[in-house]
C-alpha atoms as a PDB file:
ATOM      1  CA  MET A   1      53.398 107.747 122.392  1.00  0.00           C
ATOM      2  CA  ALA A   2      54.580 104.557 124.092  1.00  0.00           C
ATOM      3  CA  ALA A   3      53.841 106.112 127.403  1.00  0.00           C
ATOM      4  CA  ILE A   4      50.317 106.879 126.406  1.00  0.00           C
ATOM      5  CA  ALA A   5      49.871 103.368 124.953  1.00  0.00           C
ATOM      6  CA  ARG A   6      51.198 101.938 128.169  1.00  0.00           C
ATOM      7  CA  ALA A   7      48.729 103.928 130.228  1.00  0.00           C
ATOM      8  CA  VAL A   8      45.920 102.717 128.093  1.00  0.00           C
ATOM      9  CA  THR A   9      47.014  99.007 128.345  1.00  0.00           C
ATOM     10  CA  ASP A  10      47.381  99.413 132.120  1.00  0.00           C
ATOM     11  CA  GLY A  11      43.849 100.823 132.353  1.00  0.00           C
ATOM     12  CA  LEU A  12      42.494  97.921 130.234  1.00  0.00           C
ATOM     13  CA  GLU A  13      44.330  95.344 132.442  1.00  0.00           C
ATOM     14  CA  GLN A  14      42.933  97.057 135.595  1.00  0.00           C
ATOM     15  CA  GLY A  15      39.525  96.505 134.090  1.00  0.00           C
ATOM     16  CA  GLY A  16      40.281  92.764 133.507  1.00  0.00           C
ATOM     17  CA  ILE A  17      40.747  93.191 129.789  1.00  0.00           C
ATOM     18  CA  LEU A  18      43.657  91.799 127.793  1.00  0.00           C
ATOM     19  CA  PRO A  19      45.118  94.544 125.552  1.00  0.00           C
ATOM     20  CA  VAL A  20      46.076  93.778 121.915  1.00  0.00           C
ATOM     21  CA  LEU A  21      49.026  95.633 120.423  1.00  0.00           C
ATOM     22  CA  LYS A  22      48.122  96.608 116.896  1.00  0.00           C
ATOM     23  CA  HIS A  23      48.869  96.821 114.043  1.00  0.00           C
ATOM     24  CA  ILE A  24      52.357  95.372 114.419  1.00  0.00           C
ATOM     25  CA  PRO A  25      54.959  96.104 112.895  1.00  0.00           C
ATOM     26  CA  GLY A  26      53.268  99.314 111.864  1.00  0.00           C
ATOM     27  CA  HIS A  27      50.468 100.904 109.892  1.00  0.00           C
ATOM     28  CA  GLY A  28      51.308 104.567 110.099  1.00  0.00           C
ATOM     29  CA  ARG A  29      52.914 104.929 106.724  1.00  0.00           C
ATOM     30  CA  ALA A  30      50.230 103.020 104.875  1.00  0.00           C
ATOM     31  CA  THR A  31      48.333 105.325 102.491  1.00  0.00           C
ATOM     32  CA  ALA A  32      45.604 102.831 101.610  1.00  0.00           C
ATOM     33  CA  ASP A  33      42.696 101.493 103.697  1.00  0.00           C
ATOM     34  CA  THR A  34      43.380  97.715 104.120  1.00  0.00           C
ATOM     35  CA  HIS A  35      39.538  97.131 104.142  1.00  0.00           C
ATOM     36  CA  PHE A  36      39.695  97.889 100.328  1.00  0.00           C
ATOM     37  CA  ARG A  37      43.297  97.402  99.058  1.00  0.00           C
ATOM     38  CA  LEU A  38      46.798  96.397 100.042  1.00  0.00           C
ATOM     39  CA  PRO A  39      49.121  99.258 100.913  1.00  0.00           C
ATOM     40  CA  GLU A  40      52.821  99.222 100.187  1.00  0.00           C
ATOM     41  CA  VAL A  41      55.424 101.123 102.263  1.00  0.00           C
ATOM     42  CA  ASP A  42      58.627 101.903 100.371  1.00  0.00           C
ATOM     43  CA  THR A  43      60.749 102.918 103.294  1.00  0.00           C
ATOM     44  CA  SER A  44      64.298 101.621 103.976  1.00  0.00           C
ATOM     45  CA  LYS A  45      64.709  98.852 106.528  1.00  0.00           C
ATOM     46  CA  THR A  46      67.060 101.182 108.613  1.00  0.00           C
ATOM     47  CA  GLU A  47      64.411 103.939 108.737  1.00  0.00           C
ATOM     48  CA  LEU A  48      61.603 101.427 109.629  1.00  0.00           C
ATOM     49  CA  GLU A  49      63.701  99.942 112.463  1.00  0.00           C
ATOM     50  CA  ARG A  50      64.502 103.414 113.726  1.00  0.00           C
ATOM     51  CA  THR A  51      61.020 104.827 113.752  1.00  0.00           C
ATOM     52  CA  ASP A  52      58.056 102.473 112.990  1.00  0.00           C
ATOM     53  CA  PHE A  53      59.339  99.304 114.522  1.00  0.00           C
ATOM     54  CA  ALA A  54      60.980 101.049 117.452  1.00  0.00           C
ATOM     55  CA  ALA A  55      57.584 102.362 118.569  1.00  0.00           C
ATOM     56  CA  PHE A  56      56.535  98.829 119.369  1.00  0.00           C
ATOM     57  CA  GLN A  57      59.583  97.736 121.403  1.00  0.00           C
ATOM     58  CA  PRO A  58      58.455  99.397 124.623  1.00  0.00           C
ATOM     59  CA  LEU A  59      55.232  97.373 124.411  1.00  0.00           C
ATOM     60  CA  ALA A  60      56.735  94.111 123.323  1.00  0.00           C
ATOM     61  CA  ASP A  61      55.849  92.579 126.601  1.00  0.00           C
ATOM     62  CA  LEU A  62      52.105  92.745 126.003  1.00  0.00           C
ATOM     63  CA  PRO A  63      50.260  89.459 125.898  1.00  0.00           C
ATOM     64  CA  MET A  64      48.747  89.728 122.358  1.00  0.00           C
ATOM     65  CA  ALA A  65      49.313  91.640 119.093  1.00  0.00           C
ATOM     66  CA  MET A  66      47.566  91.969 115.756  1.00  0.00           C
ATOM     67  CA  THR A  67      49.468  92.020 112.497  1.00  0.00           C
ATOM     68  CA  ALA A  68      49.198  94.791 109.730  1.00  0.00           C
ATOM     69  CA  HIS A  69      48.096  93.924 106.231  1.00  0.00           C
ATOM     70  CA  VAL A  70      50.894  96.138 104.873  1.00  0.00           C
ATOM     71  CA  VAL A  71      53.735  95.302 102.474  1.00  0.00           C
ATOM     72  CA  PHE A  72      57.151  96.594 103.682  1.00  0.00           C
ATOM     73  CA  SER A  73      58.977  96.329 100.362  1.00  0.00           C
ATOM     74  CA  ALA A  74      62.483  96.705 101.759  1.00  0.00           C
ATOM     75  CA  LEU A  75      61.938  93.529 103.750  1.00  0.00           C
ATOM     76  CA  ASP A  76      59.395  91.387 101.755  1.00  0.00           C
ATOM     77  CA  PRO A  77      58.244  92.952  98.545  1.00  0.00           C
ATOM     78  CA  ALA A  78      55.849  90.103  97.821  1.00  0.00           C
ATOM     79  CA  GLN A  79      53.811  89.559 100.988  1.00  0.00           C
ATOM     80  CA  PRO A  80      52.146  91.817 103.586  1.00  0.00           C
ATOM     81  CA  ALA A  81      53.366  91.541 107.132  1.00  0.00           C
ATOM     82  CA  THR A  82      50.414  89.172 108.082  1.00  0.00           C
ATOM     83  CA  THR A  83      51.444  86.582 105.551  1.00  0.00           C
ATOM     84  CA  SER A  84      55.239  87.131 105.633  1.00  0.00           C
ATOM     85  CA  ALA A  85      57.349  84.657 107.515  1.00  0.00           C
ATOM     86  CA  THR A  86      60.237  87.165 107.015  1.00  0.00           C
ATOM     87  CA  ILE A  87      58.360  89.992 108.765  1.00  0.00           C
ATOM     88  CA  ILE A  88      56.933  87.792 111.515  1.00  0.00           C
ATOM     89  CA  GLN A  89      60.200  86.107 112.338  1.00  0.00           C
ATOM     90  CA  GLN A  90      62.815  88.855 111.650  1.00  0.00           C
ATOM     91  CA  VAL A  91      60.854  91.923 112.606  1.00  0.00           C
ATOM     92  CA  ILE A  92      57.964  91.178 114.941  1.00  0.00           C
ATOM     93  CA  ARG A  93      59.614  88.265 116.858  1.00  0.00           C
ATOM     94  CA  GLY A  94      63.213  89.588 116.216  1.00  0.00           C
ATOM     95  CA  VAL A  95      63.659  93.393 116.005  1.00  0.00           C
ATOM     96  CA  ILE A  96      60.631  94.256 117.969  1.00  0.00           C
ATOM     97  CA  GLY A  97      61.028  91.289 120.415  1.00  0.00           C
ATOM     98  CA  PHE A  98      57.290  90.430 120.713  1.00  0.00           C
ATOM     99  CA  GLN A  99      56.834  86.905 122.058  1.00  0.00           C
ATOM    100  CA  GLY A 100      53.177  86.963 122.860  1.00  0.00           C
ATOM    101  CA  LEU A 101      50.163  85.586 121.100  1.00  0.00           C
ATOM    102  CA  LEU A 102      50.157  86.897 117.466  1.00  0.00           C
ATOM    103  CA  MET A 103      46.790  87.131 115.606  1.00  0.00           C
ATOM    104  CA  SER A 104      46.192  88.319 112.113  1.00  0.00           C
ATOM    105  CA  ASP A 105      44.089  91.280 111.249  1.00  0.00           C
ATOM    106  CA  ASP A 106      40.827  90.390 109.735  1.00  0.00           C
ATOM    107  CA  VAL A 107      41.284  87.673 107.103  1.00  0.00           C
ATOM    108  CA  SER A 108      38.293  88.954 105.108  1.00  0.00           C
ATOM    109  CA  MET A 109      39.800  92.363 104.410  1.00  0.00           C
ATOM    110  CA  ASN A 110      40.446  93.119 100.715  1.00  0.00           C
ATOM    111  CA  ALA A 111      44.107  93.828 101.306  1.00  0.00           C
ATOM    112  CA  LEU A 112      44.666  90.076 101.278  1.00  0.00           C
ATOM    113  CA  ALA A 113      44.591  88.016  98.038  1.00  0.00           C
ATOM    114  CA  GLY A 114      43.135  84.592  97.383  1.00  0.00           C
ATOM    115  CA  SER A 115      40.234  82.700  98.886  1.00  0.00           C
ATOM    116  CA  ILE A 116      39.571  82.824 102.582  1.00  0.00           C
ATOM    117  CA  ALA A 117      40.940  79.399 102.871  1.00  0.00           C
ATOM    118  CA  GLU A 118      44.101  80.328 100.977  1.00  0.00           C
ATOM    119  CA  ARG A 119      44.480  83.468 103.167  1.00  0.00           C
ATOM    120  CA  THR A 120      44.007  81.424 106.321  1.00  0.00           C
ATOM    121  CA  ARG A 121      46.690  78.934 105.318  1.00  0.00           C
ATOM    122  CA  ALA A 122      49.023  81.805 104.325  1.00  0.00           C
ATOM    123  CA  ILE A 123      48.578  83.530 107.706  1.00  0.00           C
ATOM    124  CA  LEU A 124      49.244  80.350 109.686  1.00  0.00           C
ATOM    125  CA  THR A 125      52.220  79.347 107.555  1.00  0.00           C
ATOM    126  CA  ALA A 126      53.813  82.697 108.027  1.00  0.00           C
ATOM    127  CA  GLY A 127      53.756  82.332 111.770  1.00  0.00           C
ATOM    128  CA  CYS A 128      50.618  83.867 113.135  1.00  0.00           C
ATOM    129  CA  ASP A 129      49.145  81.917 116.077  1.00  0.00           C
ATOM    130  CA  MET A 130      45.512  82.777 115.294  1.00  0.00           C
ATOM    131  CA  VAL A 131      43.430  83.933 112.426  1.00  0.00           C
ATOM    132  CA  LEU A 132      40.961  86.671 112.997  1.00  0.00           C
ATOM    133  CA  HIS A 133      37.705  86.662 110.992  1.00  0.00           C
ATOM    134  CA  CYS A 134      35.274  89.628 111.605  1.00  0.00           C
ATOM    135  CA  ASN A 135      32.622  90.077 109.065  1.00  0.00           C
ATOM    136  CA  GLY A 136      30.218  87.397 110.423  1.00  0.00           C
ATOM    137  CA  LYS A 137      29.726  85.660 107.099  1.00  0.00           C
ATOM    138  CA  LEU A 138      29.064  81.993 108.085  1.00  0.00           C
ATOM    139  CA  ASP A 139      30.446  80.485 104.826  1.00  0.00           C
ATOM    140  CA  GLU A 140      33.725  82.322 105.397  1.00  0.00           C
ATOM    141  CA  MET A 141      33.769  81.328 109.050  1.00  0.00           C
ATOM    142  CA  ARG A 142      33.530  77.685 107.999  1.00  0.00           C
ATOM    143  CA  GLU A 143      36.473  78.121 105.575  1.00  0.00           C
ATOM    144  CA  VAL A 144      38.630  79.595 108.267  1.00  0.00           C
ATOM    145  CA  ALA A 145      37.601  76.891 110.744  1.00  0.00           C
ATOM    146  CA  ALA A 146      38.311  74.150 108.207  1.00  0.00           C
ATOM    147  CA  GLU A 147      41.894  75.462 107.673  1.00  0.00           C
ATOM    148  CA  THR A 148      42.757  76.283 111.262  1.00  0.00           C
ATOM    149  CA  PRO A 149      44.227  73.492 113.417  1.00  0.00           C
ATOM    150  CA  GLU A 150      43.709  73.301 117.088  1.00  0.00           C
ATOM    151  CA  LEU A 151      46.217  75.440 118.952  1.00  0.00           C
ATOM    152  CA  SER A 152      49.318  73.366 119.902  1.00  0.00           C
ATOM    153  CA  GLY A 153      53.007  73.876 120.510  1.00  0.00           C
ATOM    154  CA  MET A 154      54.243  77.425 120.892  1.00  0.00           C
ATOM    155  CA  ALA A 155      50.892  78.942 119.754  1.00  0.00           C
ATOM    156  CA  LEU A 156      49.131  77.053 122.625  1.00  0.00           C
ATOM    157  CA  GLU A 157      51.871  78.137 125.114  1.00  0.00           C
ATOM    158  CA  ARG A 158      51.514  81.767 124.046  1.00  0.00           C
ATOM    159  CA  ALA A 159      47.732  81.597 124.370  1.00  0.00           C
ATOM    160  CA  ARG A 160      48.075  80.094 127.778  1.00  0.00           C
ATOM    161  CA  ARG A 161      50.516  82.857 128.892  1.00  0.00           C
ATOM    162  CA  ALA A 162      48.172  85.587 127.629  1.00  0.00           C
ATOM    163  CA  LEU A 163      45.158  84.097 129.409  1.00  0.00           C
ATOM    164  CA  ALA A 164      47.150  83.649 132.680  1.00  0.00           C
ATOM    165  CA  SER A 165      48.192  87.337 132.499  1.00  0.00           C
ATOM    166  CA  ARG A 166      44.618  88.463 132.696  1.00  0.00           C
ATOM    167  CA  GLY A 167      43.656  89.624 136.219  1.00  0.00           C
ATOM    168  CA  ALA A 168      40.319  90.106 137.795  1.00  0.00           C
ATOM    169  CA  PRO A 169      38.865  93.581 137.229  1.00  0.00           C
ATOM    170  CA  GLN A 170      39.769  96.133 139.939  1.00  0.00           C
ATOM    171  CA  THR A 171      37.073  98.158 141.500  1.00  0.00           C
ATOM    172  CA  PHE A 172      36.732 101.520 140.032  1.00  0.00           C
ATOM    173  CA  ASP A 173      35.270 104.613 141.843  1.00  0.00           C
ATOM    174  CA  ARG A 174      33.977 106.772 139.021  1.00  0.00           C
ATOM    175  CA  LEU A 175      33.034 109.600 141.250  1.00  0.00           C
ATOM    176  CA  ALA A 176      36.498 109.771 142.893  1.00  0.00           C
ATOM    177  CA  ALA A 177      38.141 109.554 139.414  1.00  0.00           C
ATOM    178  CA  ARG A 178      35.971 112.383 138.138  1.00  0.00           C
ATOM    179  CA  ALA A 179      36.917 114.538 141.176  1.00  0.00           C
ATOM    180  CA  GLU A 180      40.657 113.772 140.668  1.00  0.00           C
ATOM    181  CA  LEU A 181      40.475 114.739 136.969  1.00  0.00           C
ATOM    182  CA  GLU A 182      38.606 117.925 137.747  1.00  0.00           C
ATOM    183  CA  ALA A 183      41.222 118.827 140.305  1.00  0.00           C
ATOM    184  CA  LEU A 184      43.945 118.242 137.687  1.00  0.00           C
ATOM    185  CA  VAL A 185      42.165 120.373 135.171  1.00  0.00           C
ATOM    186  CA  ASP A 186      41.675 123.149 137.765  1.00  0.00           C
ATOM    187  CA  ARG A 187      45.456 123.033 138.653  1.00  0.00           C
ATOM    188  CA  ALA A 188      46.457 123.120 135.020  1.00  0.00           C
ATOM    189  CA  GLY A 189      44.139 126.064 134.405  1.00  0.00           C
ATOM    190  CA  ALA A 190      45.494 127.963 137.403  1.00  0.00           C
ATOM    191  CA  ALA A 191      49.082 127.224 136.294  1.00  0.00           C
ATOM    192  CA  GLY A 192      48.426 128.560 132.779  1.00  0.00           C
ATOM    193  CA  ALA A 193      46.656 131.774 134.016  1.00  0.00           C
END
């Protein structure tokens, strides 16, 4: 899976787009939709490190990542990863080794508790560099903006590194790519016959 994810991120970067690694440190075991409620994963730390968290390690060099609104009860039974200083410092920055710009998942999702302002403060206090707000509600946007300081310190440095890693889009010959893909399909079909 990491090889597929790397191929996708390489393609995005070739197109001049910065990839975002998500949802770190994992969303695969969550059985609830975070748009509606907070999922809790009751898996041991050892198993999470061996499987879920390990899946992110080969991609830890990416410039940006987005957190998961998921409680990992073996590590922090009270807070989802997005608002957990334990998860952000020990797992995302530690075990996984991600040192890029860390943004929250959407602050307006129902997995998070409290007002938008309280959620924003909790996200930043836990160690996220940026707060993502997606639903377009202007009153909520104002709350997020009122609670969010200007980037500084390590958050600013990580943002600068992410932006500096963005290259100019490479030219892409769609017809040549299609011909190459068709040749691959033909070879695969001939090999399987």
